[in-house]
Amino acid sequence: MRMYRLPLNLVILVPLFVLPAYAEPAAVPKCSVEVAGSLSCQADVACECKYFHASAAHGTPAGYRWDCGIRRPKCGIAPADAGYGGPYPEAVAIDRSTEINTQSQESTQSATSSSTP
């Protein structure tokens, strides 16, 4: 009775290539009118479903597609707040008075005309 021995490299490497073949990729929802405006995380980018016009330059037809462009944010990053809610530093002062200081044009004209010879 003869025993065949498999090389150790083959025993280690075969499962590494076989296991990923069984893993199914995450299903990307179809972009359509019903889901327009919704977000989907694809390749760590928050893609938005929106309508695109036809482009002869790019060779794309009109329709709804996922916008995953470079200007889209990453997934999981909170959007920036609209305003600052904390106290202002002491070096900054906000003048809330309604008084408007204007300089009359006559005083500006007289100052410039008197300086010319």
PDB file of N, CA and C in Angstrom:
ATOM      1  N   MET A   1       0.837  -1.175   0.000  1.00  0.00           N
ATOM      2  CA  MET A   1       0.000   0.000   0.000  1.00  0.00           C
ATOM      3  C   MET A   1       0.886   1.244   0.000  1.00  0.00           C
ATOM      4  N   ARG A   2       0.676   2.068  -0.986  1.00  0.00           N
ATOM      5  CA  ARG A   2       1.472   3.286  -1.144  1.00  0.00           C
ATOM      6  C   ARG A   2       0.674   4.505  -0.727  1.00  0.00           C
ATOM      7  N   MET A   3       1.281   5.406  -0.009  1.00  0.00           N
ATOM      8  CA  MET A   3       0.623   6.652   0.402  1.00  0.00           C
ATOM      9  C   MET A   3       1.224   7.796  -0.400  1.00  0.00           C
ATOM     10  N   TYR A   4       0.331   8.574  -0.938  1.00  0.00           N
ATOM     11  CA  TYR A   4       0.791   9.739  -1.663  1.00  0.00           C
ATOM     12  C   TYR A   4       0.737  10.948  -0.737  1.00  0.00           C
ATOM     13  N   ARG A   5       1.760  11.726  -0.766  1.00  0.00           N
ATOM     14  CA  ARG A   5       1.807  12.923   0.071  1.00  0.00           C
ATOM     15  C   ARG A   5       1.681  14.154  -0.820  1.00  0.00           C
ATOM     16  N   LEU A   6       0.765  14.994  -0.455  1.00  0.00           N
ATOM     17  CA  LEU A   6       0.606  16.259  -1.176  1.00  0.00           C
ATOM     18  C   LEU A   6       1.611  17.264  -0.634  1.00  0.00           C
ATOM     19  N   PRO A   7       2.160  18.067  -1.504  1.00  0.00           N
ATOM     20  CA  PRO A   7       3.080  19.088  -1.011  1.00  0.00           C
ATOM     21  C   PRO A   7       2.350  20.026  -0.049  1.00  0.00           C
ATOM     22  N   LEU A   8       3.043  20.488   0.952  1.00  0.00           N
ATOM     23  CA  LEU A   8       2.459  21.349   1.974  1.00  0.00           C
ATOM     24  C   LEU A   8       1.938  22.655   1.372  1.00  0.00           C
ATOM     25  N   ASN A   9       2.605  23.178   0.385  1.00  0.00           N
ATOM     26  CA  ASN A   9       2.157  24.418  -0.273  1.00  0.00           C
ATOM     27  C   ASN A   9       0.783  24.248  -0.903  1.00  0.00           C
ATOM     28  N   LEU A  10       0.555  23.114  -1.517  1.00  0.00           N
ATOM     29  CA  LEU A  10      -0.723  22.858  -2.162  1.00  0.00           C
ATOM     30  C   LEU A  10      -1.842  22.741  -1.138  1.00  0.00           C
ATOM     31  N   VAL A  11      -1.570  22.134  -0.016  1.00  0.00           N
ATOM     32  CA  VAL A  11      -2.564  21.968   1.040  1.00  0.00           C
ATOM     33  C   VAL A  11      -2.959  23.331   1.619  1.00  0.00           C
ATOM     34  N   ILE A  12      -2.020  24.231   1.727  1.00  0.00           N
ATOM     35  CA  ILE A  12      -2.294  25.552   2.310  1.00  0.00           C
ATOM     36  C   ILE A  12      -2.943  26.487   1.297  1.00  0.00           C
ATOM     37  N   LEU A  13      -2.490  26.497   0.072  1.00  0.00           N
ATOM     38  CA  LEU A  13      -2.949  27.475  -0.918  1.00  0.00           C
ATOM     39  C   LEU A  13      -4.310  27.173  -1.529  1.00  0.00           C
ATOM     40  N   VAL A  14      -4.668  25.916  -1.702  1.00  0.00           N
ATOM     41  CA  VAL A  14      -5.944  25.577  -2.342  1.00  0.00           C
ATOM     42  C   VAL A  14      -7.135  26.148  -1.569  1.00  0.00           C
ATOM     43  N   PRO A  15      -7.231  26.000  -0.244  1.00  0.00           N
ATOM     44  CA  PRO A  15      -8.389  26.590   0.455  1.00  0.00           C
ATOM     45  C   PRO A  15      -8.445  28.116   0.353  1.00  0.00           C
ATOM     46  N   LEU A  16      -7.294  28.756   0.236  1.00  0.00           N
ATOM     47  CA  LEU A  16      -7.288  30.222   0.128  1.00  0.00           C
ATOM     48  C   LEU A  16      -7.923  30.707  -1.175  1.00  0.00           C
ATOM     49  N   PHE A  17      -7.791  29.932  -2.242  1.00  0.00           N
ATOM     50  CA  PHE A  17      -8.377  30.325  -3.522  1.00  0.00           C
ATOM     51  C   PHE A  17      -9.821  29.849  -3.676  1.00  0.00           C
ATOM     52  N   VAL A  18     -10.191  28.799  -2.995  1.00  0.00           N
ATOM     53  CA  VAL A  18     -11.524  28.228  -3.133  1.00  0.00           C
ATOM     54  C   VAL A  18     -12.539  28.998  -2.288  1.00  0.00           C
ATOM     55  N   LEU A  19     -12.186  29.416  -1.083  1.00  0.00           N
ATOM     56  CA  LEU A  19     -13.132  30.093  -0.187  1.00  0.00           C
ATOM     57  C   LEU A  19     -13.685  31.392  -0.748  1.00  0.00           C
ATOM     58  N   PRO A  20     -12.878  32.293  -1.315  1.00  0.00           N
ATOM     59  CA  PRO A  20     -13.466  33.528  -1.859  1.00  0.00           C
ATOM     60  C   PRO A  20     -14.433  33.293  -3.013  1.00  0.00           C
ATOM     61  N   ALA A  21     -14.335  32.163  -3.698  1.00  0.00           N
ATOM     62  CA  ALA A  21     -15.242  31.883  -4.805  1.00  0.00           C
ATOM     63  C   ALA A  21     -16.660  31.656  -4.305  1.00  0.00           C
ATOM     64  N   TYR A  22     -16.821  31.207  -3.052  1.00  0.00           N
ATOM     65  CA  TYR A  22     -18.143  30.966  -2.504  1.00  0.00           C
ATOM     66  C   TYR A  22     -18.781  32.214  -1.904  1.00  0.00           C
ATOM     67  N   ALA A  23     -17.987  33.223  -1.617  1.00  0.00           N
ATOM     68  CA  ALA A  23     -18.531  34.458  -1.037  1.00  0.00           C
ATOM     69  C   ALA A  23     -19.266  35.239  -2.120  1.00  0.00           C
ATOM     70  N   GLU A  24     -20.494  35.609  -1.819  1.00  0.00           N
ATOM     71  CA  GLU A  24     -21.284  36.369  -2.785  1.00  0.00           C
ATOM     72  C   GLU A  24     -21.084  37.863  -2.560  1.00  0.00           C
ATOM     73  N   PRO A  25     -20.953  38.646  -3.627  1.00  0.00           N
ATOM     74  CA  PRO A  25     -20.812  40.088  -3.452  1.00  0.00           C
ATOM     75  C   PRO A  25     -22.123  40.693  -2.957  1.00  0.00           C
ATOM     76  N   ALA A  26     -22.011  41.806  -2.245  1.00  0.00           N
ATOM     77  CA  ALA A  26     -23.207  42.483  -1.736  1.00  0.00           C
ATOM     78  C   ALA A  26     -24.027  42.993  -2.919  1.00  0.00           C
ATOM     79  N   ALA A  27     -25.325  42.768  -2.863  1.00  0.00           N
ATOM     80  CA  ALA A  27     -26.205  43.177  -3.955  1.00  0.00           C
ATOM     81  C   ALA A  27     -26.401  44.690  -3.916  1.00  0.00           C
ATOM     82  N   VAL A  28     -26.165  45.335  -5.042  1.00  0.00           N
ATOM     83  CA  VAL A  28     -26.370  46.776  -5.165  1.00  0.00           C
ATOM     84  C   VAL A  28     -27.812  46.987  -5.615  1.00  0.00           C
ATOM     85  N   PRO A  29     -28.582  47.802  -4.881  1.00  0.00           N
ATOM     86  CA  PRO A  29     -29.964  48.035  -5.304  1.00  0.00           C
ATOM     87  C   PRO A  29     -30.023  48.729  -6.660  1.00  0.00           C
ATOM     88  N   LYS A  30     -31.065  48.432  -7.405  1.00  0.00           N
ATOM     89  CA  LYS A  30     -31.232  49.033  -8.728  1.00  0.00           C
ATOM     90  C   LYS A  30     -31.653  50.490  -8.575  1.00  0.00           C
ATOM     91  N   CYS A  31     -31.019  51.348  -9.336  1.00  0.00           N
ATOM     92  CA  CYS A  31     -31.345  52.773  -9.310  1.00  0.00           C
ATOM     93  C   CYS A  31     -32.486  53.023 -10.288  1.00  0.00           C
ATOM     94  N   SER A  32     -33.605  53.515  -9.772  1.00  0.00           N
ATOM     95  CA  SER A  32     -34.775  53.768 -10.609  1.00  0.00           C
ATOM     96  C   SER A  32     -35.551  54.953 -10.050  1.00  0.00           C
ATOM     97  N   VAL A  33     -36.675  55.265 -10.670  1.00  0.00           N
ATOM     98  CA  VAL A  33     -37.516  56.380 -10.234  1.00  0.00           C
ATOM     99  C   VAL A  33     -37.961  56.184  -8.790  1.00  0.00           C
ATOM    100  N   GLU A  34     -38.255  54.964  -8.401  1.00  0.00           N
ATOM    101  CA  GLU A  34     -38.769  54.690  -7.060  1.00  0.00           C
ATOM    102  C   GLU A  34     -37.753  54.989  -5.963  1.00  0.00           C
ATOM    103  N   VAL A  35     -36.471  54.822  -6.246  1.00  0.00           N
ATOM    104  CA  VAL A  35     -35.442  55.033  -5.229  1.00  0.00           C
ATOM    105  C   VAL A  35     -34.609  56.285  -5.496  1.00  0.00           C
ATOM    106  N   ALA A  36     -35.059  57.160  -6.383  1.00  0.00           N
ATOM    107  CA  ALA A  36     -34.320  58.379  -6.702  1.00  0.00           C
ATOM    108  C   ALA A  36     -34.104  59.217  -5.447  1.00  0.00           C
ATOM    109  N   GLY A  37     -32.876  59.687  -5.273  1.00  0.00           N
ATOM    110  CA  GLY A  37     -32.530  60.491  -4.114  1.00  0.00           C
ATOM    111  C   GLY A  37     -32.007  59.691  -2.947  1.00  0.00           C
ATOM    112  N   SER A  38     -32.102  58.366  -3.003  1.00  0.00           N
ATOM    113  CA  SER A  38     -31.618  57.550  -1.894  1.00  0.00           C
ATOM    114  C   SER A  38     -30.115  57.328  -2.014  1.00  0.00           C
ATOM    115  N   LEU A  39     -29.498  56.937  -0.901  1.00  0.00           N
ATOM    116  CA  LEU A  39     -28.057  56.720  -0.859  1.00  0.00           C
ATOM    117  C   LEU A  39     -27.749  55.243  -0.724  1.00  0.00           C
ATOM    118  N   SER A  40     -26.625  54.826  -1.286  1.00  0.00           N
ATOM    119  CA  SER A  40     -26.150  53.457  -1.183  1.00  0.00           C
ATOM    120  C   SER A  40     -24.639  53.495  -1.008  1.00  0.00           C
ATOM    121  N   CYS A  41     -24.125  52.749  -0.041  1.00  0.00           N
ATOM    122  CA  CYS A  41     -22.685  52.695   0.209  1.00  0.00           C
ATOM    123  C   CYS A  41     -22.068  51.671  -0.736  1.00  0.00           C
ATOM    124  N   GLN A  42     -21.279  52.147  -1.704  1.00  0.00           N
ATOM    125  CA  GLN A  42     -20.638  51.277  -2.680  1.00  0.00           C
ATOM    126  C   GLN A  42     -19.159  51.631  -2.726  1.00  0.00           C
ATOM    127  N   ALA A  43     -18.302  50.659  -2.437  1.00  0.00           N
ATOM    128  CA  ALA A  43     -16.851  50.845  -2.425  1.00  0.00           C
ATOM    129  C   ALA A  43     -16.465  51.996  -1.511  1.00  0.00           C
ATOM    130  N   ASP A  44     -17.100  52.072  -0.334  1.00  0.00           N
ATOM    131  CA  ASP A  44     -16.857  53.089   0.692  1.00  0.00           C
ATOM    132  C   ASP A  44     -17.170  54.510   0.211  1.00  0.00           C
ATOM    133  N   VAL A  45     -18.091  54.639  -0.750  1.00  0.00           N
ATOM    134  CA  VAL A  45     -18.554  55.940  -1.232  1.00  0.00           C
ATOM    135  C   VAL A  45     -20.070  55.979  -1.089  1.00  0.00           C
ATOM    136  N   ALA A  46     -20.589  57.091  -0.569  1.00  0.00           N
ATOM    137  CA  ALA A  46     -22.034  57.260  -0.416  1.00  0.00           C
ATOM    138  C   ALA A  46     -22.609  57.697  -1.764  1.00  0.00           C
ATOM    139  N   CYS A  47     -23.014  56.728  -2.577  1.00  0.00           N
ATOM    140  CA  CYS A  47     -23.540  56.999  -3.918  1.00  0.00           C
ATOM    141  C   CYS A  47     -25.000  57.428  -3.824  1.00  0.00           C
ATOM    142  N   GLU A  48     -25.409  58.339  -4.703  1.00  0.00           N
ATOM    143  CA  GLU A  48     -26.791  58.831  -4.729  1.00  0.00           C
ATOM    144  C   GLU A  48     -27.440  58.428  -6.042  1.00  0.00           C
ATOM    145  N   CYS A  49     -28.670  57.951  -5.970  1.00  0.00           N
ATOM    146  CA  CYS A  49     -29.426  57.583  -7.162  1.00  0.00           C
ATOM    147  C   CYS A  49     -30.043  58.851  -7.734  1.00  0.00           C
ATOM    148  N   LYS A  50     -29.670  59.204  -8.964  1.00  0.00           N
ATOM    149  CA  LYS A  50     -30.221  60.411  -9.582  1.00  0.00           C
ATOM    150  C   LYS A  50     -30.337  60.250 -11.087  1.00  0.00           C
ATOM    151  N   TYR A  51     -31.088  61.154 -11.688  1.00  0.00           N
ATOM    152  CA  TYR A  51     -31.328  61.114 -13.125  1.00  0.00           C
ATOM    153  C   TYR A  51     -30.195  61.823 -13.852  1.00  0.00           C
ATOM    154  N   PHE A  52     -29.686  61.201 -14.909  1.00  0.00           N
ATOM    155  CA  PHE A  52     -28.656  61.795 -15.743  1.00  0.00           C
ATOM    156  C   PHE A  52     -29.201  61.967 -17.155  1.00  0.00           C
ATOM    157  N   HIS A  53     -28.898  63.086 -17.781  1.00  0.00           N
ATOM    158  CA  HIS A  53     -29.278  63.319 -19.169  1.00  0.00           C
ATOM    159  C   HIS A  53     -28.335  62.534 -20.078  1.00  0.00           C
ATOM    160  N   ALA A  54     -28.756  62.290 -21.296  1.00  0.00           N
ATOM    161  CA  ALA A  54     -27.926  61.566 -22.251  1.00  0.00           C
ATOM    162  C   ALA A  54     -26.689  62.392 -22.583  1.00  0.00           C
ATOM    163  N   SER A  55     -25.575  61.699 -22.805  1.00  0.00           N
ATOM    164  CA  SER A  55     -24.323  62.373 -23.139  1.00  0.00           C
ATOM    165  C   SER A  55     -23.702  61.687 -24.344  1.00  0.00           C
ATOM    166  N   ALA A  56     -23.647  62.410 -25.447  1.00  0.00           N
ATOM    167  CA  ALA A  56     -23.014  61.852 -26.640  1.00  0.00           C
ATOM    168  C   ALA A  56     -21.499  61.746 -26.439  1.00  0.00           C
ATOM    169  N   ALA A  57     -20.925  62.670 -25.660  1.00  0.00           N
ATOM    170  CA  ALA A  57     -19.481  62.652 -25.421  1.00  0.00           C
ATOM    171  C   ALA A  57     -19.064  61.420 -24.619  1.00  0.00           C
ATOM    172  N   HIS A  58     -19.869  61.044 -23.639  1.00  0.00           N
ATOM    173  CA  HIS A  58     -19.549  59.872 -22.832  1.00  0.00           C
ATOM    174  C   HIS A  58     -20.198  58.603 -23.360  1.00  0.00           C
ATOM    175  N   GLY A  59     -21.127  58.755 -24.277  1.00  0.00           N
ATOM    176  CA  GLY A  59     -21.812  57.590 -24.847  1.00  0.00           C
ATOM    177  C   GLY A  59     -22.784  56.946 -23.885  1.00  0.00           C
ATOM    178  N   THR A  60     -23.402  57.742 -23.020  1.00  0.00           N
ATOM    179  CA  THR A  60     -24.346  57.196 -22.041  1.00  0.00           C
ATOM    180  C   THR A  60     -25.764  57.641 -22.370  1.00  0.00           C
ATOM    181  N   PRO A  61     -26.729  56.751 -22.203  1.00  0.00           N
ATOM    182  CA  PRO A  61     -28.121  57.124 -22.450  1.00  0.00           C
ATOM    183  C   PRO A  61     -28.697  57.870 -21.244  1.00  0.00           C
ATOM    184  N   ALA A  62     -29.826  58.502 -21.438  1.00  0.00           N
ATOM    185  CA  ALA A  62     -30.515  59.176 -20.339  1.00  0.00           C
ATOM    186  C   ALA A  62     -31.127  58.122 -19.432  1.00  0.00           C
ATOM    187  N   GLY A  63     -31.172  58.423 -18.153  1.00  0.00           N
ATOM    188  CA  GLY A  63     -31.784  57.493 -17.213  1.00  0.00           C
ATOM    189  C   GLY A  63     -31.252  57.672 -15.806  1.00  0.00           C
ATOM    190  N   TYR A  64     -31.752  56.828 -14.910  1.00  0.00           N
ATOM    191  CA  TYR A  64     -31.342  56.877 -13.510  1.00  0.00           C
ATOM    192  C   TYR A  64     -30.109  55.998 -13.321  1.00  0.00           C
ATOM    193  N   ARG A  65     -29.088  56.576 -12.655  1.00  0.00           N
ATOM    194  CA  ARG A  65     -27.850  55.854 -12.364  1.00  0.00           C
ATOM    195  C   ARG A  65     -27.327  56.295 -11.011  1.00  0.00           C
ATOM    196  N   TRP A  66     -26.426  55.481 -10.456  1.00  0.00           N
ATOM    197  CA  TRP A  66     -25.786  55.826  -9.190  1.00  0.00           C
ATOM    198  C   TRP A  66     -24.678  56.838  -9.453  1.00  0.00           C
ATOM    199  N   ASP A  67     -24.696  57.936  -8.710  1.00  0.00           N
ATOM    200  CA  ASP A  67     -23.645  58.946  -8.783  1.00  0.00           C
ATOM    201  C   ASP A  67     -22.637  58.633  -7.687  1.00  0.00           C
ATOM    202  N   CYS A  68     -21.508  58.061  -8.077  1.00  0.00           N
ATOM    203  CA  CYS A  68     -20.443  57.698  -7.131  1.00  0.00           C
ATOM    204  C   CYS A  68     -19.181  58.480  -7.456  1.00  0.00           C
ATOM    205  N   GLY A  69     -19.338  59.678  -7.966  1.00  0.00           N
ATOM    206  CA  GLY A  69     -18.213  60.480  -8.427  1.00  0.00           C
ATOM    207  C   GLY A  69     -17.278  60.929  -7.316  1.00  0.00           C
ATOM    208  N   ILE A  70     -16.227  61.607  -7.720  1.00  0.00           N
ATOM    209  CA  ILE A  70     -15.184  62.034  -6.802  1.00  0.00           C
ATOM    210  C   ILE A  70     -15.699  63.069  -5.798  1.00  0.00           C
ATOM    211  N   ARG A  71     -16.773  63.762  -6.119  1.00  0.00           N
ATOM    212  CA  ARG A  71     -17.318  64.779  -5.217  1.00  0.00           C
ATOM    213  C   ARG A  71     -18.264  64.206  -4.170  1.00  0.00           C
ATOM    214  N   ARG A  72     -18.529  62.921  -4.213  1.00  0.00           N
ATOM    215  CA  ARG A  72     -19.405  62.274  -3.235  1.00  0.00           C
ATOM    216  C   ARG A  72     -18.612  61.969  -1.959  1.00  0.00           C
ATOM    217  N   PRO A  73     -19.244  62.071  -0.774  1.00  0.00           N
ATOM    218  CA  PRO A  73     -18.528  61.803   0.477  1.00  0.00           C
ATOM    219  C   PRO A  73     -18.313  60.305   0.708  1.00  0.00           C
ATOM    220  N   LYS A  74     -17.424  60.000   1.614  1.00  0.00           N
ATOM    221  CA  LYS A  74     -17.183  58.614   2.016  1.00  0.00           C
ATOM    222  C   LYS A  74     -18.341  58.136   2.896  1.00  0.00           C
ATOM    223  N   CYS A  75     -18.531  56.843   2.977  1.00  0.00           N
ATOM    224  CA  CYS A  75     -19.577  56.272   3.830  1.00  0.00           C
ATOM    225  C   CYS A  75     -19.207  56.452   5.295  1.00  0.00           C
ATOM    226  N   GLY A  76     -20.209  56.718   6.111  1.00  0.00           N
ATOM    227  CA  GLY A  76     -20.003  56.797   7.542  1.00  0.00           C
ATOM    228  C   GLY A  76     -19.480  58.131   8.042  1.00  0.00           C
ATOM    229  N   ILE A  77     -19.254  59.091   7.178  1.00  0.00           N
ATOM    230  CA  ILE A  77     -18.791  60.405   7.611  1.00  0.00           C
ATOM    231  C   ILE A  77     -19.997  61.313   7.727  1.00  0.00           C
ATOM    232  N   ALA A  78     -20.173  61.892   8.894  1.00  0.00           N
ATOM    233  CA  ALA A  78     -21.318  62.777   9.116  1.00  0.00           C
ATOM    234  C   ALA A  78     -21.131  64.065   8.316  1.00  0.00           C
ATOM    235  N   PRO A  79     -22.207  64.587   7.721  1.00  0.00           N
ATOM    236  CA  PRO A  79     -22.080  65.849   6.991  1.00  0.00           C
ATOM    237  C   PRO A  79     -21.771  67.000   7.941  1.00  0.00           C
ATOM    238  N   ALA A  80     -21.167  68.032   7.404  1.00  0.00           N
ATOM    239  CA  ALA A  80     -20.806  69.191   8.216  1.00  0.00           C
ATOM    240  C   ALA A  80     -22.064  69.898   8.719  1.00  0.00           C
ATOM    241  N   ASP A  81     -21.990  70.425   9.929  1.00  0.00           N
ATOM    242  CA  ASP A  81     -23.126  71.161  10.487  1.00  0.00           C
ATOM    243  C   ASP A  81     -23.317  72.471   9.743  1.00  0.00           C
ATOM    244  N   ALA A  82     -24.554  72.951   9.758  1.00  0.00           N
ATOM    245  CA  ALA A  82     -24.875  74.190   9.056  1.00  0.00           C
ATOM    246  C   ALA A  82     -24.324  75.415   9.766  1.00  0.00           C
ATOM    247  N   GLY A  83     -24.213  75.361  11.081  1.00  0.00           N
ATOM    248  CA  GLY A  83     -23.741  76.526  11.810  1.00  0.00           C
ATOM    249  C   GLY A  83     -22.985  76.142  13.049  1.00  0.00           C
ATOM    250  N   TYR A  84     -22.405  77.145  13.674  1.00  0.00           N
ATOM    251  CA  TYR A  84     -21.639  76.942  14.889  1.00  0.00           C
ATOM    252  C   TYR A  84     -22.518  77.282  16.066  1.00  0.00           C
ATOM    253  N   GLY A  85     -22.683  76.366  17.006  1.00  0.00           N
ATOM    254  CA  GLY A  85     -23.576  76.584  18.129  1.00  0.00           C
ATOM    255  C   GLY A  85     -22.884  77.021  19.394  1.00  0.00           C
ATOM    256  N   GLY A  86     -21.560  77.063  19.389  1.00  0.00           N
ATOM    257  CA  GLY A  86     -20.817  77.403  20.598  1.00  0.00           C
ATOM    258  C   GLY A  86     -20.678  78.900  20.794  1.00  0.00           C
ATOM    259  N   PRO A  87     -20.048  79.309  21.888  1.00  0.00           N
ATOM    260  CA  PRO A  87     -19.843  80.737  22.143  1.00  0.00           C
ATOM    261  C   PRO A  87     -18.754  81.297  21.235  1.00  0.00           C
ATOM    262  N   TYR A  88     -18.841  82.581  20.960  1.00  0.00           N
ATOM    263  CA  TYR A  88     -17.829  83.238  20.149  1.00  0.00           C
ATOM    264  C   TYR A  88     -16.630  83.574  21.026  1.00  0.00           C
ATOM    265  N   PRO A  89     -15.434  83.548  20.492  1.00  0.00           N
ATOM    266  CA  PRO A  89     -14.280  83.941  21.285  1.00  0.00           C
ATOM    267  C   PRO A  89     -14.335  85.429  21.612  1.00  0.00           C
ATOM    268  N   GLU A  90     -13.603  85.841  22.639  1.00  0.00           N
ATOM    269  CA  GLU A  90     -13.654  87.229  23.066  1.00  0.00           C
ATOM    270  C   GLU A  90     -13.084  88.183  22.032  1.00  0.00           C
ATOM    271  N   ALA A  91     -12.222  87.709  21.143  1.00  0.00           N
ATOM    272  CA  ALA A  91     -11.606  88.582  20.151  1.00  0.00           C
ATOM    273  C   ALA A  91     -12.574  88.963  19.038  1.00  0.00           C
ATOM    274  N   VAL A  92     -13.685  88.293  18.936  1.00  0.00           N
ATOM    275  CA  VAL A  92     -14.651  88.566  17.882  1.00  0.00           C
ATOM    276  C   VAL A  92     -15.840  89.286  18.484  1.00  0.00           C
ATOM    277  N   ALA A  93     -16.214  90.392  17.874  1.00  0.00           N
ATOM    278  CA  ALA A  93     -17.377  91.140  18.341  1.00  0.00           C
ATOM    279  C   ALA A  93     -18.354  91.270  17.185  1.00  0.00           C
ATOM    280  N   ILE A  94     -19.614  91.138  17.491  1.00  0.00           N
ATOM    281  CA  ILE A  94     -20.652  91.255  16.478  1.00  0.00           C
ATOM    282  C   ILE A  94     -21.459  92.501  16.787  1.00  0.00           C
ATOM    283  N   ASP A  95     -21.487  93.405  15.830  1.00  0.00           N
ATOM    284  CA  ASP A  95     -22.233  94.644  15.998  1.00  0.00           C
ATOM    285  C   ASP A  95     -23.646  94.415  15.493  1.00  0.00           C
ATOM    286  N   ARG A  96     -24.598  94.411  16.384  1.00  0.00           N
ATOM    287  CA  ARG A  96     -25.980  94.158  16.010  1.00  0.00           C
ATOM    288  C   ARG A  96     -26.794  95.450  15.934  1.00  0.00           C
ATOM    289  N   SER A  97     -26.139  96.591  15.936  1.00  0.00           N
ATOM    290  CA  SER A  97     -26.868  97.855  15.843  1.00  0.00           C
ATOM    291  C   SER A  97     -27.381  98.051  14.423  1.00  0.00           C
ATOM    292  N   THR A  98     -28.411  98.851  14.295  1.00  0.00           N
ATOM    293  CA  THR A  98     -29.008  99.101  12.985  1.00  0.00           C
ATOM    294  C   THR A  98     -28.518 100.425  12.393  1.00  0.00           C
ATOM    295  N   GLU A  99     -27.604 101.089  13.067  1.00  0.00           N
ATOM    296  CA  GLU A  99     -27.083 102.364  12.576  1.00  0.00           C
ATOM    297  C   GLU A  99     -26.137 102.109  11.409  1.00  0.00           C
ATOM    298  N   ILE A 100     -26.346 102.842  10.346  1.00  0.00           N
ATOM    299  CA  ILE A 100     -25.513 102.695   9.159  1.00  0.00           C
ATOM    300  C   ILE A 100     -24.727 103.986   8.979  1.00  0.00           C
ATOM    301  N   ASN A 101     -23.420 103.871   8.980  1.00  0.00           N
ATOM    302  CA  ASN A 101     -22.556 105.030   8.785  1.00  0.00           C
ATOM    303  C   ASN A 101     -22.228 105.147   7.315  1.00  0.00           C
ATOM    304  N   THR A 102     -22.600 106.266   6.755  1.00  0.00           N
ATOM    305  CA  THR A 102     -22.291 106.503   5.345  1.00  0.00           C
ATOM    306  C   THR A 102     -21.507 107.792   5.224  1.00  0.00           C
ATOM    307  N   GLN A 103     -20.672 107.841   4.245  1.00  0.00           N
ATOM    308  CA  GLN A 103     -19.892 109.041   3.991  1.00  0.00           C
ATOM    309  C   GLN A 103     -20.503 109.723   2.773  1.00  0.00           C
ATOM    310  N   SER A 104     -20.751 110.997   2.914  1.00  0.00           N
ATOM    311  CA  SER A 104     -21.374 111.703   1.791  1.00  0.00           C
ATOM    312  C   SER A 104     -20.355 111.883   0.679  1.00  0.00           C
ATOM    313  N   GLN A 105     -20.858 111.924  -0.542  1.00  0.00           N
ATOM    314  CA  GLN A 105     -19.985 112.076  -1.703  1.00  0.00           C
ATOM    315  C   GLN A 105     -19.413 113.484  -1.778  1.00  0.00           C
ATOM    316  N   GLU A 106     -20.140 114.488  -1.240  1.00  0.00           N
ATOM    317  CA  GLU A 106     -19.656 115.857  -1.313  1.00  0.00           C
ATOM    318  C   GLU A 106     -18.376 116.035  -0.520  1.00  0.00           C
ATOM    319  N   SER A 107     -18.296 115.424   0.674  1.00  0.00           N
ATOM    320  CA  SER A 107     -17.086 115.576   1.472  1.00  0.00           C
ATOM    321  C   SER A 107     -15.917 114.850   0.820  1.00  0.00           C
ATOM    322  N   THR A 108     -16.175 113.744   0.145  1.00  0.00           N
ATOM    323  CA  THR A 108     -15.119 113.020  -0.555  1.00  0.00           C
ATOM    324  C   THR A 108     -14.647 113.824  -1.746  1.00  0.00           C
ATOM    325  N   GLN A 109     -15.569 114.440  -2.485  1.00  0.00           N
ATOM    326  CA  GLN A 109     -15.204 115.231  -3.658  1.00  0.00           C
ATOM    327  C   GLN A 109     -14.442 116.484  -3.253  1.00  0.00           C
ATOM    328  N   SER A 110     -14.861 117.135  -2.160  1.00  0.00           N
ATOM    329  CA  SER A 110     -14.172 118.348  -1.742  1.00  0.00           C
ATOM    330  C   SER A 110     -12.761 118.027  -1.253  1.00  0.00           C
ATOM    331  N   ALA A 111     -12.565 116.860  -0.629  1.00  0.00           N
ATOM    332  CA  ALA A 111     -11.230 116.487  -0.156  1.00  0.00           C
ATOM    333  C   ALA A 111     -10.311 116.197  -1.333  1.00  0.00           C
ATOM    334  N   THR A 112     -10.840 115.581  -2.384  1.00  0.00           N
ATOM    335  CA  THR A 112      -9.999 115.267  -3.534  1.00  0.00           C
ATOM    336  C   THR A 112      -9.763 116.513  -4.385  1.00  0.00           C
ATOM    337  N   SER A 113     -10.739 117.425  -4.486  1.00  0.00           N
ATOM    338  CA  SER A 113     -10.561 118.615  -5.312  1.00  0.00           C
ATOM    339  C   SER A 113      -9.624 119.622  -4.645  1.00  0.00           C
ATOM    340  N   SER A 114      -9.571 119.662  -3.329  1.00  0.00           N
ATOM    341  CA  SER A 114      -8.700 120.614  -2.649  1.00  0.00           C
ATOM    342  C   SER A 114      -7.244 120.150  -2.699  1.00  0.00           C
ATOM    343  N   SER A 115      -7.002 118.877  -2.887  1.00  0.00           N
ATOM    344  CA  SER A 115      -5.615 118.388  -2.910  1.00  0.00           C
ATOM    345  C   SER A 115      -4.984 118.554  -4.290  1.00  0.00           C
ATOM    346  N   THR A 116      -5.770 118.780  -5.335  1.00  0.00           N
ATOM    347  CA  THR A 116      -5.213 118.955  -6.682  1.00  0.00           C
ATOM    348  C   THR A 116      -4.834 120.414  -6.890  1.00  0.00           C
ATOM    349  N   PRO A 117      -3.676 120.731  -7.513  1.00  0.00           N
ATOM    350  CA  PRO A 117      -3.272 122.121  -7.720  1.00  0.00           C
ATOM    351  C   PRO A 117      -4.040 122.823  -8.808  1.00  0.00           C
TER     352      PRO A 117
END
